């Protein structure tokens, strides 16, 4: 039985990629939009992906195995008003991880950065998510919308970063 709505975020179990459910085709295959392409798969290969769960997900398998000196907790690059979420800068050891694991990690770091910025009473911050296919940008904007303290956001660098203004 299909309990998905068009636009629901889903996880492709085999590849670990995350996309949006777009319905079923004539053959009964599930259509999932990934970045700029559509993928056709079986209903058994997808499961709901809830962004809210990423706040509590534990990625300790990755974090415990890594030397603590590889990266700073928020990778602020000596600027407390910016974070670069590119995984090769954020945590290079995760470069070859499944995309879903990387995205969860990036979301968690983004959420932590926003909380830290609020604790520091910063008024304007920049989150660098890259231009890419927009998956990370959408995830970042989803996280930003969790914070009522956000006054507005502005896409910068041809869509490669988001400037966040707080009240």
Protein backbone atom coordinates (compact mmCIF):
# COMPACT_ATOMS: atom_id res chain seq x y z
CA UNK A 1 0.00 0.00 0.00
CA UNK A 2 1.29 3.46 -0.92
CA UNK A 3 1.10 5.98 1.92
CA UNK A 4 3.20 8.67 0.26
CA UNK A 5 2.07 12.09 -0.90
CA UNK A 6 3.59 13.96 -3.80
CA UNK A 7 6.38 16.11 -2.38
CA UNK A 8 7.19 13.81 0.57
CA UNK A 9 10.89 13.38 1.22
CA UNK A 10 11.98 9.76 0.81
CA UNK A 11 15.18 7.83 1.31
CA UNK A 12 16.26 5.39 -1.39
CA UNK A 13 17.41 2.46 0.73
CA UNK A 14 19.90 0.95 -1.72
CA UNK A 15 21.79 4.12 -2.62
CA UNK A 16 21.22 6.21 0.51
CA UNK A 17 20.11 9.18 -1.62
CA UNK A 18 17.28 11.48 -0.59
CA UNK A 19 14.67 12.86 -2.95
CA UNK A 20 11.05 13.85 -3.34
CA UNK A 21 8.26 11.39 -4.05
CA UNK A 22 6.47 12.27 -7.30
CA UNK A 23 3.97 9.42 -7.62
CA UNK A 24 3.73 6.17 -9.55
CA UNK A 25 4.22 5.58 -13.26
CA UNK A 26 1.99 3.34 -15.41
CA UNK A 27 4.02 0.24 -14.51
CA UNK A 28 3.60 0.90 -10.79
CA UNK A 29 7.18 2.08 -10.27
CA UNK A 30 7.77 4.87 -7.77
CA UNK A 31 9.02 8.15 -9.25
CA UNK A 32 11.53 9.97 -7.05
CA UNK A 33 13.06 13.31 -8.04
CA UNK A 34 16.75 13.39 -7.16
CA UNK A 35 18.50 16.64 -7.84
CA UNK A 36 17.82 17.30 -11.54
CA UNK A 37 16.69 13.83 -12.58
CA UNK A 38 13.93 11.35 -11.90
CA UNK A 39 14.58 7.83 -10.65
CA UNK A 40 12.17 4.93 -11.02
CA UNK A 41 12.28 2.30 -8.29
CA UNK A 42 10.13 -0.15 -6.36
CA UNK A 43 8.03 0.82 -3.37
CA UNK A 44 10.16 -1.54 -1.26
CA UNK A 45 13.26 0.56 -2.00
CA UNK A 46 11.93 3.76 -0.40
CA UNK A 47 11.11 4.83 3.10
CA UNK A 48 9.92 8.14 4.54
CA UNK A 49 12.65 10.63 5.35
CA UNK A 50 11.74 13.05 8.11
CA UNK A 51 14.03 16.06 8.46
CA UNK A 52 13.10 16.51 12.11
CA UNK A 53 14.71 13.17 12.92
CA UNK A 54 18.13 14.40 11.88
CA UNK A 55 18.37 16.58 14.99
CA UNK A 56 18.40 13.50 17.19
CA UNK A 57 20.16 11.05 14.89
CA UNK A 58 23.43 9.76 16.18
CA UNK A 59 26.35 9.68 13.84
CA UNK A 60 28.69 8.43 16.53
CA UNK A 61 30.02 5.67 14.29
CA UNK A 62 31.69 8.36 12.20
CA UNK A 63 32.56 10.75 14.97
CA UNK A 64 34.08 8.21 17.38
CA UNK A 65 36.34 6.70 14.72
CA UNK A 66 37.82 10.04 13.71
CA UNK A 67 40.74 11.82 15.32
CA UNK A 68 39.38 14.85 17.14
CA UNK A 69 41.89 17.19 15.48
CA UNK A 70 40.62 16.76 11.90
CA UNK A 71 37.90 19.38 12.19
CA UNK A 72 36.54 21.98 14.54
CA UNK A 73 33.03 21.41 15.87
CA UNK A 74 31.46 24.05 13.67
CA UNK A 75 34.20 24.61 11.09
CA UNK A 76 33.86 28.35 11.39
CA UNK A 77 37.11 28.97 9.49
CA UNK A 78 38.08 31.56 12.13
CA UNK A 79 34.99 33.56 11.27
CA UNK A 80 32.18 32.99 13.74
CA UNK A 81 29.62 34.37 11.30
CA UNK A 82 30.19 31.75 8.55
CA UNK A 83 30.05 28.01 8.09
CA UNK A 84 30.99 26.08 4.98
CA UNK A 85 28.98 22.87 4.75
CA UNK A 86 31.05 21.29 1.97
CA UNK A 87 31.89 17.89 3.43
CA UNK A 88 35.52 18.04 2.31
CA UNK A 89 35.96 21.04 4.62
CA UNK A 90 33.49 20.10 7.34
CA UNK A 91 34.73 16.55 7.89
CA UNK A 92 37.05 15.22 5.16
CA UNK A 93 36.91 11.69 6.56
CA UNK A 94 33.25 11.44 5.55
CA UNK A 95 33.92 12.26 1.89
CA UNK A 96 33.13 8.70 0.74
CA UNK A 97 30.15 8.10 3.03
CA UNK A 98 26.64 7.49 1.73
CA UNK A 99 25.00 10.74 0.59
CA UNK A 100 22.21 10.38 3.17
CA UNK A 101 24.76 10.07 6.01
CA UNK A 102 26.67 13.10 4.72
CA UNK A 103 23.49 15.14 4.42
CA UNK A 104 22.40 14.21 7.95
CA UNK A 105 25.79 15.28 9.26
CA UNK A 106 25.67 18.58 7.34
CA UNK A 107 22.15 19.28 8.64
CA UNK A 108 23.23 18.59 12.20
CA UNK A 109 26.22 20.94 11.87
CA UNK A 110 24.02 23.61 10.27
CA UNK A 111 21.53 23.40 13.13
CA UNK A 112 24.37 23.60 15.69
CA UNK A 113 25.83 26.61 13.90
CA UNK A 114 22.48 28.44 13.94
CA UNK A 115 22.10 27.75 17.68
CA UNK A 116 25.65 28.95 18.34
CA UNK A 117 25.04 32.11 16.30
CA UNK A 118 21.94 32.86 18.35
CA UNK A 119 23.85 32.21 21.59
CA UNK A 120 26.50 34.68 20.39
CA UNK A 121 23.73 37.15 19.53
CA UNK A 122 24.97 37.53 15.96
CA UNK A 123 22.69 39.52 13.69
CA UNK A 124 23.86 38.26 10.29
CA UNK A 125 25.46 34.92 9.40
CA UNK A 126 26.33 33.12 6.18
CA UNK A 127 25.80 29.44 5.48
CA UNK A 128 27.76 28.17 2.48
CA UNK A 129 25.95 25.18 1.00
CA UNK A 130 27.21 25.29 -2.57
CA UNK A 131 25.32 25.64 -5.83
CA UNK A 132 25.23 21.97 -6.77
CA UNK A 133 21.83 20.41 -7.36
CA UNK A 134 20.07 22.20 -4.53
CA UNK A 135 19.52 19.27 -2.17
CA UNK A 136 21.72 20.70 0.58
CA UNK A 137 20.35 24.21 -0.03
CA UNK A 138 16.78 22.94 0.43
CA UNK A 139 17.79 21.09 3.58
CA UNK A 140 19.53 24.21 4.96
CA UNK A 141 16.45 26.34 4.26
CA UNK A 142 14.29 23.72 5.96
CA UNK A 143 16.50 23.93 9.06
CA UNK A 144 16.52 27.75 8.96
CA UNK A 145 12.71 27.72 8.98
CA UNK A 146 12.81 25.90 12.34
CA UNK A 147 14.14 29.08 13.97
CA UNK A 148 11.54 31.78 14.71
CA UNK A 149 14.41 34.19 15.42
CA UNK A 150 15.19 34.38 11.70
CA UNK A 151 14.04 37.66 10.23
CA UNK A 152 14.78 36.83 6.58
CA UNK A 153 17.26 35.07 4.30
CA UNK A 154 19.04 36.15 1.14
CA UNK A 155 20.60 33.82 -1.43
CA UNK A 156 24.16 34.95 -2.18
CA UNK A 157 26.96 33.90 -4.55
CA UNK A 158 24.63 32.84 -7.36
CA UNK A 159 22.76 30.55 -4.99
CA UNK A 160 25.84 28.99 -3.37
CA UNK A 161 25.26 30.47 0.07
CA UNK A 162 22.48 31.88 2.21
CA UNK A 163 22.74 34.96 4.35
CA UNK A 164 20.57 34.72 7.47
CA UNK A 165 19.39 37.80 9.35
CA UNK A 166 18.15 37.47 12.93
CA UNK A 167 15.79 39.76 14.85
